[in-house]
Amino acid sequence: MGATELDDGRRVAVRFTTERADLASPIGRRDRATGQLVKARLADGDYLLFRALPNYRVEQTTASAADLARRTLVPAR
C-alpha cells in the first residue's frame, strides 16, 4: 500500500493488485483525448490519473470507473 498527493491537496491511499494479462483493467492505458495515464486504483475504488506537463510539472487527479468507461483508453506510448 502506498499514498499520493493529488492536485487538490488530498492525500489518498493507493492499494491495488492486477494481473499482467488483465486486458479489462484500465491501469496502464491512457486517455486518448487528454493524454492522462491511468496509473493505479485507489483504496476507495477510484483511479489515479497522471499527466506530465511543461516545466517539470505533473498533474494527478482521480476518476471513477464509470467516468473511465466513457473515455477512449488506448495503450500507453
N, C-alpha and C. Protein backbone atom coordinates (compact mmCIF):
# COMPACT_ATOMS: atom_id res chain seq x y z
N MET A 1 0.85 -1.18 0.00
CA MET A 1 0.00 0.00 0.00
C MET A 1 0.89 1.24 0.00
N GLY A 2 0.46 2.25 -0.71
CA GLY A 2 1.20 3.50 -0.78
C GLY A 2 0.24 4.67 -0.69
N ALA A 3 0.75 5.86 -0.90
CA ALA A 3 -0.08 7.06 -0.85
C ALA A 3 0.44 8.04 -1.87
N THR A 4 -0.43 8.95 -2.30
CA THR A 4 -0.03 10.01 -3.22
C THR A 4 -0.81 11.26 -2.88
N GLU A 5 -0.29 12.39 -3.29
CA GLU A 5 -0.99 13.66 -3.07
C GLU A 5 -1.53 14.15 -4.41
N LEU A 6 -2.82 14.47 -4.42
CA LEU A 6 -3.48 14.93 -5.64
C LEU A 6 -3.31 16.43 -5.81
N ASP A 7 -3.66 16.93 -6.98
CA ASP A 7 -3.55 18.35 -7.26
C ASP A 7 -4.39 19.20 -6.30
N ASP A 8 -5.51 18.63 -5.83
CA ASP A 8 -6.36 19.40 -4.92
C ASP A 8 -5.88 19.34 -3.46
N GLY A 9 -4.72 18.70 -3.23
CA GLY A 9 -4.14 18.65 -1.89
C GLY A 9 -4.51 17.43 -1.07
N ARG A 10 -5.50 16.66 -1.54
CA ARG A 10 -5.87 15.45 -0.80
C ARG A 10 -4.76 14.42 -0.88
N ARG A 11 -4.55 13.70 0.20
CA ARG A 11 -3.62 12.58 0.24
C ARG A 11 -4.47 11.33 0.23
N VAL A 12 -4.27 10.46 -0.76
CA VAL A 12 -5.11 9.27 -0.92
C VAL A 12 -4.27 8.01 -0.92
N ALA A 13 -4.87 6.93 -0.45
CA ALA A 13 -4.19 5.64 -0.39
C ALA A 13 -4.27 4.95 -1.75
N VAL A 14 -3.14 4.44 -2.20
CA VAL A 14 -3.06 3.65 -3.43
C VAL A 14 -2.93 2.20 -3.00
N ARG A 15 -3.88 1.39 -3.45
CA ARG A 15 -3.90 0.00 -3.00
C ARG A 15 -4.57 -0.85 -4.05
N PHE A 16 -3.78 -1.65 -4.76
CA PHE A 16 -4.36 -2.49 -5.79
C PHE A 16 -3.41 -3.61 -6.16
N THR A 17 -3.95 -4.61 -6.80
CA THR A 17 -3.15 -5.64 -7.46
C THR A 17 -3.81 -5.89 -8.81
N THR A 18 -3.03 -6.31 -9.76
CA THR A 18 -3.57 -6.60 -11.08
C THR A 18 -2.72 -7.70 -11.72
N GLU A 19 -3.34 -8.46 -12.54
CA GLU A 19 -2.63 -9.50 -13.28
C GLU A 19 -2.01 -8.87 -14.53
N ARG A 20 -0.87 -9.34 -14.91
CA ARG A 20 -0.16 -8.80 -16.07
C ARG A 20 -1.01 -8.87 -17.33
N ALA A 21 -1.73 -9.93 -17.52
CA ALA A 21 -2.52 -10.14 -18.75
C ALA A 21 -3.98 -9.69 -18.59
N ASP A 22 -4.27 -8.86 -17.61
CA ASP A 22 -5.64 -8.39 -17.39
C ASP A 22 -5.99 -7.31 -18.41
N LEU A 23 -6.57 -7.71 -19.52
CA LEU A 23 -6.90 -6.77 -20.59
C LEU A 23 -8.11 -5.90 -20.27
N ALA A 24 -8.88 -6.27 -19.26
CA ALA A 24 -10.05 -5.48 -18.90
C ALA A 24 -9.69 -4.29 -18.01
N SER A 25 -8.57 -4.35 -17.35
CA SER A 25 -8.17 -3.27 -16.44
C SER A 25 -7.75 -2.03 -17.23
N PRO A 26 -8.17 -0.84 -16.76
CA PRO A 26 -7.73 0.39 -17.42
C PRO A 26 -6.31 0.80 -17.01
N ILE A 27 -5.75 0.16 -15.99
CA ILE A 27 -4.43 0.54 -15.49
C ILE A 27 -3.39 0.33 -16.59
N GLY A 28 -2.56 1.35 -16.79
CA GLY A 28 -1.53 1.29 -17.81
C GLY A 28 -1.98 1.83 -19.16
N ARG A 29 -3.21 2.24 -19.26
CA ARG A 29 -3.72 2.83 -20.50
C ARG A 29 -3.78 4.35 -20.32
N ARG A 30 -3.93 5.04 -21.44
CA ARG A 30 -4.05 6.49 -21.35
C ARG A 30 -5.30 6.95 -22.09
N ASP A 31 -5.81 8.08 -21.64
CA ASP A 31 -6.98 8.70 -22.25
C ASP A 31 -6.53 9.35 -23.55
N ARG A 32 -7.10 8.93 -24.65
CA ARG A 32 -6.70 9.46 -25.96
C ARG A 32 -6.89 10.98 -26.03
N ALA A 33 -7.95 11.51 -25.46
CA ALA A 33 -8.24 12.94 -25.57
C ALA A 33 -7.34 13.80 -24.68
N THR A 34 -7.05 13.36 -23.47
CA THR A 34 -6.31 14.19 -22.52
C THR A 34 -4.85 13.79 -22.36
N GLY A 35 -4.51 12.57 -22.74
CA GLY A 35 -3.16 12.06 -22.54
C GLY A 35 -2.90 11.57 -21.12
N GLN A 36 -3.91 11.60 -20.26
CA GLN A 36 -3.73 11.15 -18.88
C GLN A 36 -3.52 9.64 -18.82
N LEU A 37 -2.55 9.21 -18.03
CA LEU A 37 -2.27 7.81 -17.80
C LEU A 37 -3.07 7.32 -16.61
N VAL A 38 -3.73 6.18 -16.75
CA VAL A 38 -4.41 5.54 -15.61
C VAL A 38 -3.32 4.79 -14.87
N LYS A 39 -2.91 5.35 -13.74
CA LYS A 39 -1.71 4.87 -13.07
C LYS A 39 -1.99 3.81 -12.02
N ALA A 40 -3.11 3.89 -11.31
CA ALA A 40 -3.38 2.93 -10.23
C ALA A 40 -4.83 3.02 -9.80
N ARG A 41 -5.27 1.99 -9.10
CA ARG A 41 -6.59 2.03 -8.46
C ARG A 41 -6.38 2.46 -7.02
N LEU A 42 -7.24 3.33 -6.55
CA LEU A 42 -7.14 3.84 -5.19
C LEU A 42 -7.95 2.98 -4.24
N ALA A 43 -7.67 3.08 -2.98
CA ALA A 43 -8.35 2.27 -1.97
C ALA A 43 -9.86 2.50 -1.98
N ASP A 44 -10.31 3.70 -2.38
CA ASP A 44 -11.75 3.99 -2.40
C ASP A 44 -12.44 3.52 -3.68
N GLY A 45 -11.68 2.93 -4.61
CA GLY A 45 -12.27 2.40 -5.85
C GLY A 45 -12.09 3.29 -7.06
N ASP A 46 -11.75 4.56 -6.85
CA ASP A 46 -11.47 5.45 -7.98
C ASP A 46 -10.10 5.11 -8.55
N TYR A 47 -9.76 5.76 -9.64
CA TYR A 47 -8.47 5.54 -10.29
C TYR A 47 -7.62 6.80 -10.25
N LEU A 48 -6.32 6.62 -10.13
CA LEU A 48 -5.36 7.72 -10.14
C LEU A 48 -4.96 8.00 -11.59
N LEU A 49 -5.11 9.26 -12.02
CA LEU A 49 -4.72 9.68 -13.36
C LEU A 49 -3.50 10.59 -13.24
N PHE A 50 -2.54 10.41 -14.13
CA PHE A 50 -1.28 11.14 -14.10
C PHE A 50 -0.99 11.70 -15.48
N ARG A 51 -0.46 12.93 -15.50
CA ARG A 51 -0.04 13.52 -16.77
C ARG A 51 1.15 14.44 -16.50
N ALA A 52 2.19 14.32 -17.32
CA ALA A 52 3.33 15.23 -17.24
C ALA A 52 2.99 16.50 -18.00
N LEU A 53 3.36 17.64 -17.42
CA LEU A 53 3.09 18.95 -18.01
C LEU A 53 4.41 19.66 -18.28
N PRO A 54 4.38 20.75 -19.05
CA PRO A 54 5.60 21.51 -19.30
C PRO A 54 6.24 22.02 -18.00
N ASN A 55 7.51 22.34 -18.09
CA ASN A 55 8.28 22.91 -16.97
C ASN A 55 8.35 21.97 -15.77
N TYR A 56 8.45 20.68 -16.04
CA TYR A 56 8.64 19.66 -15.00
C TYR A 56 7.50 19.61 -13.98
N ARG A 57 6.31 19.95 -14.41
CA ARG A 57 5.14 19.85 -13.53
C ARG A 57 4.39 18.57 -13.86
N VAL A 58 3.62 18.10 -12.91
CA VAL A 58 2.77 16.93 -13.13
C VAL A 58 1.36 17.23 -12.66
N GLU A 59 0.43 16.46 -13.18
CA GLU A 59 -0.97 16.56 -12.78
C GLU A 59 -1.38 15.20 -12.25
N GLN A 60 -2.01 15.17 -11.08
CA GLN A 60 -2.54 13.94 -10.52
C GLN A 60 -3.97 14.21 -10.06
N THR A 61 -4.89 13.51 -10.70
CA THR A 61 -6.31 13.65 -10.37
C THR A 61 -6.91 12.26 -10.26
N THR A 62 -8.20 12.20 -9.99
CA THR A 62 -8.88 10.90 -9.91
C THR A 62 -10.06 10.86 -10.87
N ALA A 63 -10.49 9.64 -11.17
CA ALA A 63 -11.68 9.42 -11.98
C ALA A 63 -12.35 8.14 -11.50
N SER A 64 -13.65 8.13 -11.55
CA SER A 64 -14.39 6.93 -11.18
C SER A 64 -14.33 5.91 -12.31
N ALA A 65 -14.66 4.68 -12.00
CA ALA A 65 -14.71 3.63 -13.03
C ALA A 65 -15.74 4.00 -14.10
N ALA A 66 -16.84 4.58 -13.69
CA ALA A 66 -17.88 4.98 -14.65
C ALA A 66 -17.36 6.06 -15.59
N ASP A 67 -16.60 7.01 -15.05
CA ASP A 67 -16.02 8.05 -15.89
C ASP A 67 -15.04 7.45 -16.88
N LEU A 68 -14.18 6.55 -16.43
CA LEU A 68 -13.22 5.92 -17.34
C LEU A 68 -13.91 5.11 -18.43
N ALA A 69 -15.04 4.50 -18.11
CA ALA A 69 -15.78 3.70 -19.09
C ALA A 69 -16.29 4.56 -20.25
N ARG A 70 -16.47 5.86 -20.03
CA ARG A 70 -16.94 6.77 -21.07
C ARG A 70 -15.80 7.33 -21.91
N ARG A 71 -14.56 7.11 -21.48
CA ARG A 71 -13.40 7.64 -22.19
C ARG A 71 -12.85 6.62 -23.18
N THR A 72 -12.11 7.10 -24.16
CA THR A 72 -11.42 6.22 -25.09
C THR A 72 -10.01 6.00 -24.53
N LEU A 73 -9.78 4.79 -24.00
CA LEU A 73 -8.48 4.45 -23.43
C LEU A 73 -7.68 3.66 -24.45
N VAL A 74 -6.42 4.02 -24.60
CA VAL A 74 -5.53 3.38 -25.55
C VAL A 74 -4.26 2.94 -24.84
N PRO A 75 -3.49 2.04 -25.42
CA PRO A 75 -2.22 1.64 -24.78
C PRO A 75 -1.32 2.86 -24.59
N ALA A 76 -0.60 2.90 -23.50
CA ALA A 76 0.34 4.00 -23.25
C ALA A 76 1.48 3.92 -24.25
N ARG A 77 2.03 5.06 -24.59
CA ARG A 77 3.15 5.09 -25.54
C ARG A 77 4.45 4.85 -24.83
